[in-house]
PDB file of all heavy atoms in Angstrom:
ATOM      1  N   PRO A   1     228.601   0.369 125.894  1.00  0.00           N
ATOM      2  CA  PRO A   1     229.084   1.099 127.079  1.00  0.00           C
ATOM      3  C   PRO A   1     228.059   2.074 127.644  1.00  0.00           C
ATOM      4  O   PRO A   1     227.952   2.219 128.871  1.00  0.00           O
ATOM      5  CB  PRO A   1     230.321   1.838 126.553  1.00  0.00           C
ATOM      6  CG  PRO A   1     230.796   1.013 125.411  1.00  0.00           C
ATOM      7  CD  PRO A   1     229.555   0.499 124.772  1.00  0.00           C
ATOM      8  N   VAL A   2     227.298   2.751 126.787  1.00  0.00           N
ATOM      9  CA  VAL A   2     226.279   3.686 127.260  1.00  0.00           C
ATOM     10  C   VAL A   2     225.149   2.936 127.956  1.00  0.00           C
ATOM     11  O   VAL A   2     224.665   3.345 129.022  1.00  0.00           O
ATOM     12  CB  VAL A   2     225.724   4.537 126.097  1.00  0.00           C
ATOM     13  CG1 VAL A   2     224.563   5.407 126.575  1.00  0.00           C
ATOM     14  CG2 VAL A   2     226.814   5.411 125.505  1.00  0.00           C
ATOM     15  N   VAL A   3     224.737   1.821 127.367  1.00  0.00           N
ATOM     16  CA  VAL A   3     223.670   1.013 127.965  1.00  0.00           C
ATOM     17  C   VAL A   3     224.106   0.504 129.336  1.00  0.00           C
ATOM     18  O   VAL A   3     223.334   0.536 130.306  1.00  0.00           O
ATOM     19  CB  VAL A   3     223.291  -0.159 127.039  1.00  0.00           C
ATOM     20  CG1 VAL A   3     222.251  -1.057 127.709  1.00  0.00           C
ATOM     21  CG2 VAL A   3     222.761   0.358 125.709  1.00  0.00           C
ATOM     22  N   GLN A   4     225.357   0.045 129.438  1.00  0.00           N
ATOM     23  CA  GLN A   4     225.873  -0.443 130.714  1.00  0.00           C
ATOM     24  C   GLN A   4     225.909   0.672 131.759  1.00  0.00           C
ATOM     25  O   GLN A   4     225.515   0.478 132.914  1.00  0.00           O
ATOM     26  CB  GLN A   4     227.274  -1.017 130.524  1.00  0.00           C
ATOM     27  CG  GLN A   4     227.314  -2.311 129.735  1.00  0.00           C
ATOM     28  CD  GLN A   4     228.741  -2.749 129.411  1.00  0.00           C
ATOM     29  OE1 GLN A   4     229.669  -1.941 129.455  1.00  0.00           O
ATOM     30  NE2 GLN A   4     228.910  -4.013 129.100  1.00  0.00           N
ATOM     31  N   ALA A   5     226.385   1.835 131.354  1.00  0.00           N
ATOM     32  CA  ALA A   5     226.490   2.958 132.284  1.00  0.00           C
ATOM     33  C   ALA A   5     225.115   3.401 132.767  1.00  0.00           C
ATOM     34  O   ALA A   5     224.906   3.637 133.972  1.00  0.00           O
ATOM     35  CB  ALA A   5     227.221   4.122 131.613  1.00  0.00           C
ATOM     36  N   CYS A   6     224.147   3.511 131.851  1.00  0.00           N
ATOM     37  CA  CYS A   6     222.787   3.909 132.238  1.00  0.00           C
ATOM     38  C   CYS A   6     222.165   2.878 133.174  1.00  0.00           C
ATOM     39  O   CYS A   6     221.528   3.227 134.171  1.00  0.00           O
ATOM     40  CB  CYS A   6     221.913   4.087 130.995  1.00  0.00           C
ATOM     41  SG  CYS A   6     222.324   5.532 129.983  1.00  0.00           S
ATOM     42  N   GLY A   7     222.362   1.609 132.845  1.00  0.00           N
ATOM     43  CA  GLY A   7     221.825   0.549 133.695  1.00  0.00           C
ATOM     44  C   GLY A   7     222.413   0.595 135.095  1.00  0.00           C
ATOM     45  O   GLY A   7     221.703   0.409 136.088  1.00  0.00           O
ATOM     46  N   LEU A   8     223.718   0.859 135.185  1.00  0.00           N
ATOM     47  CA  LEU A   8     224.378   0.920 136.488  1.00  0.00           C
ATOM     48  C   LEU A   8     223.881   2.114 137.303  1.00  0.00           C
ATOM     49  O   LEU A   8     223.642   1.995 138.518  1.00  0.00           O
ATOM     50  CB  LEU A   8     225.895   0.998 136.304  1.00  0.00           C
ATOM     51  CG  LEU A   8     226.751   0.851 137.560  1.00  0.00           C
ATOM     52  CD1 LEU A   8     226.539  -0.520 138.197  1.00  0.00           C
ATOM     53  CD2 LEU A   8     228.231   1.059 137.243  1.00  0.00           C
ATOM     54  N   VAL A   9     223.715   3.259 136.659  1.00  0.00           N
ATOM     55  CA  VAL A   9     223.219   4.447 137.359  1.00  0.00           C
ATOM     56  C   VAL A   9     221.784   4.224 137.842  1.00  0.00           C
ATOM     57  O   VAL A   9     221.437   4.546 138.989  1.00  0.00           O
ATOM     58  CB  VAL A   9     223.298   5.686 136.449  1.00  0.00           C
ATOM     59  CG1 VAL A   9     222.562   6.867 137.071  1.00  0.00           C
ATOM     60  CG2 VAL A   9     224.747   6.059 136.188  1.00  0.00           C
ATOM     61  N   PHE A  10     220.931   3.677 136.973  1.00  0.00           N
ATOM     62  CA  PHE A  10     219.550   3.391 137.370  1.00  0.00           C
ATOM     63  C   PHE A  10     219.508   2.418 138.548  1.00  0.00           C
ATOM     64  O   PHE A  10     218.731   2.591 139.495  1.00  0.00           O
ATOM     65  CB  PHE A  10     218.763   2.816 136.191  1.00  0.00           C
ATOM     66  CG  PHE A  10     218.289   3.851 135.207  1.00  0.00           C
ATOM     67  CD1 PHE A  10     218.260   3.575 133.852  1.00  0.00           C
ATOM     68  CD2 PHE A  10     217.860   5.097 135.638  1.00  0.00           C
ATOM     69  CE1 PHE A  10     217.815   4.529 132.938  1.00  0.00           C
ATOM     70  CE2 PHE A  10     217.411   6.055 134.745  1.00  0.00           C
ATOM     71  CZ  PHE A  10     217.393   5.763 133.391  1.00  0.00           C
ATOM     72  N   ALA A  11     220.340   1.373 138.500  1.00  0.00           N
ATOM     73  CA  ALA A  11     220.375   0.389 139.582  1.00  0.00           C
ATOM     74  C   ALA A  11     220.837   1.034 140.882  1.00  0.00           C
ATOM     75  O   ALA A  11     220.279   0.770 141.953  1.00  0.00           O
ATOM     76  CB  ALA A  11     221.298  -0.770 139.206  1.00  0.00           C
ATOM     77  N   ALA A  12     221.862   1.898 140.797  1.00  0.00           N
ATOM     78  CA  ALA A  12     222.376   2.566 142.001  1.00  0.00           C
ATOM     79  C   ALA A  12     221.311   3.463 142.621  1.00  0.00           C
ATOM     80  O   ALA A  12     221.139   3.490 143.853  1.00  0.00           O
ATOM     81  CB  ALA A  12     223.620   3.377 141.648  1.00  0.00           C
ATOM     82  N   VAL A  13     220.570   4.205 141.789  1.00  0.00           N
ATOM     83  CA  VAL A  13     219.520   5.093 142.302  1.00  0.00           C
ATOM     84  C   VAL A  13     218.410   4.282 142.954  1.00  0.00           C
ATOM     85  O   VAL A  13     217.951   4.589 144.068  1.00  0.00           O
ATOM     86  CB  VAL A  13     218.952   5.971 141.169  1.00  0.00           C
ATOM     87  CG1 VAL A  13     217.706   6.719 141.633  1.00  0.00           C
ATOM     88  CG2 VAL A  13     220.006   6.955 140.684  1.00  0.00           C
ATOM     89  N   TYR A  14     217.981   3.223 142.279  1.00  0.00           N
ATOM     90  CA  TYR A  14     216.870   2.410 142.791  1.00  0.00           C
ATOM     91  C   TYR A  14     217.246   1.731 144.106  1.00  0.00           C
ATOM     92  O   TYR A  14     216.492   1.778 145.093  1.00  0.00           O
ATOM     93  CB  TYR A  14     216.471   1.364 141.753  1.00  0.00           C
ATOM     94  CG  TYR A  14     215.163   0.674 142.060  1.00  0.00           C
ATOM     95  CD1 TYR A  14     213.951   1.247 141.700  1.00  0.00           C
ATOM     96  CD2 TYR A  14     215.135  -0.539 142.730  1.00  0.00           C
ATOM     97  CE1 TYR A  14     212.740   0.634 141.986  1.00  0.00           C
ATOM     98  CE2 TYR A  14     213.931  -1.168 143.025  1.00  0.00           C
ATOM     99  CZ  TYR A  14     212.749  -0.575 142.645  1.00  0.00           C
ATOM    100  OH  TYR A  14     211.554  -1.190 142.941  1.00  0.00           O
ATOM    101  N   ILE A  15     218.413   1.098 144.133  1.00  0.00           N
ATOM    102  CA  ILE A  15     218.862   0.411 145.343  1.00  0.00           C
ATOM    103  C   ILE A  15     219.120   1.427 146.461  1.00  0.00           C
ATOM    104  O   ILE A  15     218.787   1.188 147.625  1.00  0.00           O
ATOM    105  CB  ILE A  15     220.117  -0.425 145.056  1.00  0.00           C
ATOM    106  CG1 ILE A  15     219.769  -1.584 144.123  1.00  0.00           C
ATOM    107  CG2 ILE A  15     220.731  -0.973 146.345  1.00  0.00           C
ATOM    108  CD1 ILE A  15     220.967  -2.364 143.617  1.00  0.00           C
ATOM    109  N   GLY A  16     219.702   2.571 146.108  1.00  0.00           N
ATOM    110  CA  GLY A  16     219.988   3.593 147.111  1.00  0.00           C
ATOM    111  C   GLY A  16     218.734   4.133 147.770  1.00  0.00           C
ATOM    112  O   GLY A  16     218.678   4.281 149.003  1.00  0.00           O
ATOM    113  N   LEU A  17     217.698   4.423 146.991  1.00  0.00           N
ATOM    114  CA  LEU A  17     216.465   4.944 147.562  1.00  0.00           C
ATOM    115  C   LEU A  17     215.738   3.893 148.395  1.00  0.00           C
ATOM    116  O   LEU A  17     215.138   4.208 149.428  1.00  0.00           O
ATOM    117  CB  LEU A  17     215.552   5.471 146.449  1.00  0.00           C
ATOM    118  CG  LEU A  17     215.998   6.794 145.814  1.00  0.00           C
ATOM    119  CD1 LEU A  17     215.111   7.156 144.633  1.00  0.00           C
ATOM    120  CD2 LEU A  17     215.978   7.914 146.843  1.00  0.00           C
ATOM    121  N   ASN A  18     215.780   2.635 147.953  1.00  0.00           N
ATOM    122  CA  ASN A  18     215.186   1.570 148.750  1.00  0.00           C
ATOM    123  C   ASN A  18     215.933   1.381 150.064  1.00  0.00           C
ATOM    124  O   ASN A  18     215.329   1.144 151.120  1.00  0.00           O
ATOM    125  CB  ASN A  18     215.175   0.260 147.964  1.00  0.00           C
ATOM    126  CG  ASN A  18     213.994   0.168 147.011  1.00  0.00           C
ATOM    127  OD1 ASN A  18     212.908  -0.239 147.397  1.00  0.00           O
ATOM    128  ND2 ASN A  18     214.206   0.565 145.774  1.00  0.00           N
ATOM    129  N   MET A  19     217.257   1.484 150.002  1.00  0.00           N
ATOM    130  CA  MET A  19     218.065   1.379 151.215  1.00  0.00           C
ATOM    131  C   MET A  19     217.743   2.534 152.162  1.00  0.00           C
ATOM    132  O   MET A  19     217.616   2.337 153.378  1.00  0.00           O
ATOM    133  CB  MET A  19     219.552   1.384 150.843  1.00  0.00           C
ATOM    134  CG  MET A  19     220.507   1.256 152.017  1.00  0.00           C
ATOM    135  SD  MET A  19     222.223   1.102 151.461  1.00  0.00           S
ATOM    136  CE  MET A  19     222.454   2.689 150.652  1.00  0.00           C
ATOM    137  N   LEU A  20     217.587   3.733 151.616  1.00  0.00           N
ATOM    138  CA  LEU A  20     217.239   4.889 152.438  1.00  0.00           C
ATOM    139  C   LEU A  20     215.872   4.705 153.088  1.00  0.00           C
ATOM    140  O   LEU A  20     215.672   5.070 154.261  1.00  0.00           O
ATOM    141  CB  LEU A  20     217.247   6.155 151.571  1.00  0.00           C
ATOM    142  CG  LEU A  20     216.953   7.474 152.285  1.00  0.00           C
ATOM    143  CD1 LEU A  20     217.990   7.743 153.368  1.00  0.00           C
ATOM    144  CD2 LEU A  20     216.935   8.625 151.280  1.00  0.00           C
ATOM    145  N   ALA A  21     214.918   4.120 152.338  1.00  0.00           N
ATOM    146  CA  ALA A  21     213.589   3.869 152.898  1.00  0.00           C
ATOM    147  C   ALA A  21     213.664   2.908 154.074  1.00  0.00           C
ATOM    148  O   ALA A  21     213.015   3.113 155.114  1.00  0.00           O
ATOM    149  CB  ALA A  21     212.670   3.299 151.815  1.00  0.00           C
ATOM    150  N   ASP A  22     214.458   1.857 153.932  1.00  0.00           N
ATOM    151  CA  ASP A  22     214.607   0.895 155.024  1.00  0.00           C
ATOM    152  C   ASP A  22     215.262   1.540 156.246  1.00  0.00           C
ATOM    153  O   ASP A  22     214.878   1.264 157.389  1.00  0.00           O
ATOM    154  CB  ASP A  22     215.434  -0.303 154.569  1.00  0.00           C
ATOM    155  CG  ASP A  22     214.664  -1.207 153.620  1.00  0.00           C
ATOM    156  OD1 ASP A  22     213.437  -1.052 153.542  1.00  0.00           O
ATOM    157  OD2 ASP A  22     215.281  -2.060 152.963  1.00  0.00           O
ATOM    158  N   ILE A  23     216.265   2.377 156.010  1.00  0.00           N
ATOM    159  CA  ILE A  23     216.952   3.035 157.137  1.00  0.00           C
ATOM    160  C   ILE A  23     216.005   3.984 157.868  1.00  0.00           C
ATOM    161  O   ILE A  23     215.980   4.024 159.106  1.00  0.00           O
ATOM    162  CB  ILE A  23     218.198   3.786 156.626  1.00  0.00           C
ATOM    163  CG1 ILE A  23     219.257   2.768 156.149  1.00  0.00           C
ATOM    164  CG2 ILE A  23     218.775   4.686 157.709  1.00  0.00           C
ATOM    165  CD1 ILE A  23     220.462   3.408 155.492  1.00  0.00           C
ATOM    166  N   ILE A  24     215.194   4.750 157.109  1.00  0.00           N
ATOM    167  CA  ILE A  24     214.224   5.650 157.746  1.00  0.00           C
ATOM    168  C   ILE A  24     213.195   4.856 158.544  1.00  0.00           C
ATOM    169  O   ILE A  24     212.799   5.242 159.652  1.00  0.00           O
ATOM    170  CB  ILE A  24     213.532   6.533 156.686  1.00  0.00           C
ATOM    171  CG1 ILE A  24     214.548   7.500 156.055  1.00  0.00           C
ATOM    172  CG2 ILE A  24     212.381   7.315 157.295  1.00  0.00           C
ATOM    173  CD1 ILE A  24     213.985   8.328 154.924  1.00  0.00           C
ATOM    174  N   ALA A  25     212.762   3.713 157.979  1.00  0.00           N
ATOM    175  CA  ALA A  25     211.809   2.867 158.698  1.00  0.00           C
ATOM    176  C   ALA A  25     212.415   2.337 159.993  1.00  0.00           C
ATOM    177  O   ALA A  25     211.736   2.238 161.021  1.00  0.00           O
ATOM    178  CB  ALA A  25     211.363   1.714 157.799  1.00  0.00           C
ATOM    179  N   ILE A  26     213.709   2.008 159.955  1.00  0.00           N
ATOM    180  CA  ILE A  26     214.401   1.529 161.158  1.00  0.00           C
ATOM    181  C   ILE A  26     214.479   2.644 162.202  1.00  0.00           C
ATOM    182  O   ILE A  26     214.199   2.445 163.383  1.00  0.00           O
ATOM    183  CB  ILE A  26     215.808   1.018 160.799  1.00  0.00           C
ATOM    184  CG1 ILE A  26     215.715  -0.277 159.983  1.00  0.00           C
ATOM    185  CG2 ILE A  26     216.641   0.768 162.058  1.00  0.00           C
ATOM    186  CD1 ILE A  26     217.040  -0.721 159.389  1.00  0.00           C
ATOM    187  N   LEU A  27     214.844   3.841 161.740  1.00  0.00           N
ATOM    188  CA  LEU A  27     214.962   4.974 162.663  1.00  0.00           C
ATOM    189  C   LEU A  27     213.608   5.376 163.248  1.00  0.00           C
ATOM    190  O   LEU A  27     213.548   5.931 164.351  1.00  0.00           O
ATOM    191  CB  LEU A  27     215.592   6.170 161.940  1.00  0.00           C
ATOM    192  CG  LEU A  27     217.035   5.989 161.453  1.00  0.00           C
ATOM    193  CD1 LEU A  27     217.481   7.204 160.659  1.00  0.00           C
ATOM    194  CD2 LEU A  27     217.974   5.757 162.627  1.00  0.00           C
ATOM    195  N   ALA A  28     212.529   5.103 162.482  1.00  0.00           N
ATOM    196  CA  ALA A  28     211.193   5.467 162.955  1.00  0.00           C
ATOM    197  C   ALA A  28     210.615   4.432 163.916  1.00  0.00           C
ATOM    198  O   ALA A  28     209.540   4.658 164.489  1.00  0.00           O
ATOM    199  CB  ALA A  28     210.244   5.639 161.769  1.00  0.00           C
ATOM    200  N   ASN A  29     211.312   3.317 164.107  1.00  0.00           N
ATOM    201  CA  ASN A  29     210.815   2.241 164.967  1.00  0.00           C
ATOM    202  C   ASN A  29     211.222   2.513 166.420  1.00  0.00           C
ATOM    203  O   ASN A  29     212.399   2.405 166.761  1.00  0.00           O
ATOM    204  CB  ASN A  29     211.375   0.893 164.507  1.00  0.00           C
ATOM    205  CG  ASN A  29     210.709  -0.277 165.210  1.00  0.00           C
ATOM    206  OD1 ASN A  29     210.166  -0.141 166.301  1.00  0.00           O
ATOM    207  ND2 ASN A  29     210.757  -1.438 164.582  1.00  0.00           N
ATOM    208  N   PRO A  30     210.276   2.848 167.291  1.00  0.00           N
ATOM    209  CA  PRO A  30     210.643   3.170 168.680  1.00  0.00           C
ATOM    210  C   PRO A  30     211.234   1.989 169.443  1.00  0.00           C
ATOM    211  O   PRO A  30     212.018   2.168 170.379  1.00  0.00           O
ATOM    212  CB  PRO A  30     209.318   3.621 169.307  1.00  0.00           C
ATOM    213  CG  PRO A  30     208.263   3.024 168.430  1.00  0.00           C
ATOM    214  CD  PRO A  30     208.851   2.972 167.077  1.00  0.00           C
ATOM    215  N   ARG A  31     210.893   0.776 169.028  1.00  0.00           N
ATOM    216  CA  ARG A  31     211.443  -0.405 169.708  1.00  0.00           C
ATOM    217  C   ARG A  31     212.931  -0.566 169.456  1.00  0.00           C
ATOM    218  O   ARG A  31     213.638  -1.186 170.242  1.00  0.00           O
ATOM    219  CB  ARG A  31     210.694  -1.666 169.264  1.00  0.00           C
ATOM    220  CG  ARG A  31     209.275  -1.749 169.804  1.00  0.00           C
ATOM    221  CD  ARG A  31     208.538  -2.931 169.240  1.00  0.00           C
ATOM    222  NE  ARG A  31     208.355  -2.806 167.801  1.00  0.00           N
ATOM    223  CZ  ARG A  31     207.689  -3.696 167.059  1.00  0.00           C
ATOM    224  NH1 ARG A  31     207.175  -4.774 167.619  1.00  0.00           N
ATOM    225  NH2 ARG A  31     207.541  -3.511 165.765  1.00  0.00           N
ATOM    226  N   LEU A  32     213.401  -0.019 168.333  1.00  0.00           N
ATOM    227  CA  LEU A  32     214.841  -0.062 168.033  1.00  0.00           C
ATOM    228  C   LEU A  32     215.561   1.153 168.626  1.00  0.00           C
ATOM    229  O   LEU A  32     216.711   1.062 169.037  1.00  0.00           O
ATOM    230  CB  LEU A  32     215.067  -0.121 166.528  1.00  0.00           C
ATOM    231  CG  LEU A  32     214.593  -1.404 165.827  1.00  0.00           C
ATOM    232  CD1 LEU A  32     214.830  -1.295 164.337  1.00  0.00           C
ATOM    233  CD2 LEU A  32     215.325  -2.617 166.387  1.00  0.00           C
ATOM    234  N   ARG A  33     214.856   2.307 168.654  1.00  0.00           N
ATOM    235  CA  ARG A  33     215.468   3.508 169.215  1.00  0.00           C
ATOM    236  C   ARG A  33     215.631   3.406 170.728  1.00  0.00           C
ATOM    237  O   ARG A  33     216.571   3.950 171.298  1.00  0.00           O
ATOM    238  CB  ARG A  33     214.616   4.743 168.891  1.00  0.00           C
ATOM    239  CG  ARG A  33     214.586   5.125 167.429  1.00  0.00           C
ATOM    240  CD  ARG A  33     214.207   6.596 167.255  1.00  0.00           C
ATOM    241  NE  ARG A  33     213.010   6.931 168.025  1.00  0.00           N
ATOM    242  CZ  ARG A  33     211.769   6.858 167.542  1.00  0.00           C
ATOM    243  NH1 ARG A  33     211.571   6.449 166.327  1.00  0.00           N
ATOM    244  NH2 ARG A  33     210.746   7.205 168.309  1.00  0.00           N
ATOM    245  N   HIS A  34     214.687   2.700 171.376  1.00  0.00           N
ATOM    246  CA  HIS A  34     214.727   2.589 172.833  1.00  0.00           C
ATOM    247  C   HIS A  34     214.636   1.123 173.256  1.00  0.00           C
ATOM    248  O   HIS A  34     213.603   0.681 173.782  1.00  0.00           O
ATOM    249  CB  HIS A  34     213.573   3.385 173.459  1.00  0.00           C
ATOM    250  CG  HIS A  34     213.470   4.794 172.970  1.00  0.00           C
ATOM    251  ND1 HIS A  34     214.367   5.764 173.341  1.00  0.00           N
ATOM    252  CD2 HIS A  34     212.595   5.392 172.119  1.00  0.00           C
ATOM    253  CE1 HIS A  34     214.045   6.911 172.762  1.00  0.00           C
ATOM    254  NE2 HIS A  34     212.973   6.707 172.006  1.00  0.00           N
ATOM    255  N   PRO A  35     215.690   0.321 172.990  1.00  0.00           N
ATOM    256  CA  PRO A  35     215.650  -1.099 173.356  1.00  0.00           C
ATOM    257  C   PRO A  35     215.644  -1.271 174.880  1.00  0.00           C
ATOM    258  O   PRO A  35     216.234  -0.489 175.601  1.00  0.00           O
ATOM    259  CB  PRO A  35     216.926  -1.654 172.728  1.00  0.00           C
ATOM    260  CG  PRO A  35     217.853  -0.491 172.679  1.00  0.00           C
ATOM    261  CD  PRO A  35     216.991   0.709 172.430  1.00  0.00           C
TER     262      PRO A  35
END
């Protein structure tokens, strides 16, 4: 149970930060901000 919980938390952090990076990259794209 501890291994599963740690793995899930690590996965959530990693996926969350990657998702945030993609969203910031999208927001930084002027072609998307001003179609």
